[in-house]
Amino acid sequence: MFPVIAEEGGFLSAAALLLAYAALAGLALHGASRHRDPFVRLLIAGIGVHFAVHLVINVGVALALWPATGLPLPLVSWGGSSLAVAGLAIGAALAAGASREPVFSSRAFGG
């Protein structure tokens, strides 16, 4: 999907897409570093890294650095399951980041 955006929209659209994904991953990692709960930190950071890795693989395939894969570009590739998982991941990160109390506490496990 990235090569199509880069070919049709040119350098500016490709740079804007890269910047948007960098902002998404950067904000996720920043949000993870500000939270106290270790589970929430790992959840938010993992979701940010998930989007960053998908972008790096897609750009690497477009530049012929890696062999072609069938990995969709989240939030850009049109498809039901990819879009649903990306939306659920962002929703989980937002919900976990909005909570002020620990998601898992020792009381939850009978401790």
Protein backbone atom coordinates (compact mmCIF):
# COMPACT_ATOMS: atom_id res chain seq x y z
CA MET A 1 0.00 0.00 0.00
CA PHE A 2 2.86 2.38 0.73
CA PRO A 3 4.23 2.24 -2.85
CA VAL A 4 0.82 3.14 -4.25
CA ILE A 5 0.55 6.16 -1.96
CA ALA A 6 4.09 7.21 -2.80
CA GLU A 7 3.55 6.81 -6.56
CA GLU A 8 0.16 8.49 -6.74
CA GLY A 9 0.76 11.26 -4.23
CA GLY A 10 4.46 11.80 -4.63
CA PHE A 11 7.09 12.61 -2.06
CA LEU A 12 4.86 14.81 0.09
CA SER A 13 2.19 12.17 0.63
CA ALA A 14 4.79 9.49 1.35
CA ALA A 15 6.56 11.80 3.82
CA ALA A 16 3.23 12.71 5.44
CA LEU A 17 2.37 9.02 5.89
CA LEU A 18 5.78 8.29 7.41
CA LEU A 19 5.43 11.30 9.70
CA ALA A 20 1.93 10.24 10.79
CA TYR A 21 3.11 6.74 11.69
CA ALA A 22 6.17 8.13 13.47
CA ALA A 23 3.87 10.40 15.47
CA LEU A 24 1.56 7.49 16.31
CA ALA A 25 4.42 5.30 17.50
CA GLY A 26 6.16 8.16 19.28
CA LEU A 27 3.05 9.25 21.13
CA ALA A 28 2.36 5.66 22.15
CA LEU A 29 5.87 5.25 23.54
CA HIS A 30 5.65 8.63 25.28
CA GLY A 31 2.29 7.71 26.79
CA ALA A 32 3.69 4.38 27.95
CA SER A 33 6.60 6.06 29.69
CA ARG A 34 4.26 8.34 31.65
CA HIS A 35 2.16 5.52 33.15
CA ARG A 36 2.99 3.83 36.46
CA ASP A 37 1.29 0.47 35.93
CA PRO A 38 3.75 -1.97 34.28
CA PHE A 39 0.99 -3.83 32.42
CA VAL A 40 -0.34 -0.63 30.88
CA ARG A 41 3.18 0.49 30.00
CA LEU A 42 3.88 -2.75 28.14
CA LEU A 43 0.46 -2.75 26.46
CA ILE A 44 0.74 0.80 25.12
CA ALA A 45 4.40 0.40 24.11
CA GLY A 46 3.64 -2.90 22.39
CA ILE A 47 0.84 -1.37 20.36
CA GLY A 48 3.09 1.52 19.32
CA VAL A 49 5.85 -0.88 18.30
CA HIS A 50 3.28 -2.98 16.43
CA PHE A 51 2.39 -0.05 14.18
CA ALA A 52 6.04 0.96 13.73
CA VAL A 53 7.12 -2.56 12.75
CA HIS A 54 4.28 -2.86 10.23
CA LEU A 55 5.37 0.41 8.63
CA VAL A 56 9.06 -0.54 8.55
CA ILE A 57 8.28 -3.88 6.91
CA ASN A 58 5.98 -2.26 4.32
CA VAL A 59 8.56 0.41 3.44
CA GLY A 60 11.32 -2.22 3.34
CA VAL A 61 9.32 -4.33 0.90
CA ALA A 62 8.61 -1.25 -1.23
CA LEU A 63 12.33 -0.43 -1.36
CA ALA A 64 13.19 -4.08 -2.17
CA LEU A 65 15.15 -4.49 1.06
CA TRP A 66 13.11 -7.53 2.09
CA PRO A 67 11.15 -10.13 0.18
CA ALA A 68 7.51 -9.37 -0.52
CA THR A 69 5.11 -10.23 2.28
CA GLY A 70 1.36 -10.05 2.61
CA LEU A 71 1.49 -7.74 5.62
CA PRO A 72 -1.13 -4.98 5.41
CA LEU A 73 -0.40 -1.40 6.39
CA PRO A 74 -2.60 -0.72 9.45
CA LEU A 75 -5.21 2.04 9.12
CA VAL A 76 -4.40 2.39 5.41
CA SER A 77 -4.91 -1.01 3.78
CA TRP A 78 -8.55 -1.64 3.11
CA GLY A 79 -9.76 -4.83 4.68
CA GLY A 80 -12.07 -5.91 7.41
CA SER A 81 -9.81 -7.82 9.76
CA SER A 82 -6.78 -5.52 9.47
CA LEU A 83 -8.81 -2.40 10.07
CA ALA A 84 -10.72 -4.04 12.93
CA VAL A 85 -7.53 -5.15 14.69
CA ALA A 86 -5.92 -1.73 14.23
CA GLY A 87 -8.99 0.00 15.62
CA LEU A 88 -9.21 -2.37 18.57
CA ALA A 89 -5.50 -1.91 19.30
CA ILE A 90 -5.78 1.87 19.32
CA GLY A 91 -8.92 1.65 21.44
CA ALA A 92 -7.19 -0.64 23.94
CA ALA A 93 -4.21 1.71 24.16
CA LEU A 94 -6.46 4.73 24.68
CA ALA A 95 -8.59 2.97 27.29
CA ALA A 96 -5.59 1.64 29.18
CA GLY A 97 -3.85 5.00 29.06
CA ALA A 98 -6.93 6.79 30.38
CA SER A 99 -7.16 4.62 33.50
CA ARG A 100 -5.57 6.16 36.57
CA GLU A 101 -5.58 3.10 38.77
CA PRO A 102 -3.66 -0.13 38.11
CA VAL A 103 -5.38 -2.47 35.68
CA PHE A 104 -4.14 -5.55 37.55
CA SER A 105 -3.62 -5.28 41.28
CA SER A 106 -2.61 -7.83 43.87
CA ARG A 107 -6.18 -7.78 45.19
CA ALA A 108 -7.48 -8.98 41.84
CA PHE A 109 -5.64 -12.26 42.26
CA GLY A 110 -6.56 -12.86 45.89
CA GLY A 111 -3.28 -11.49 47.26
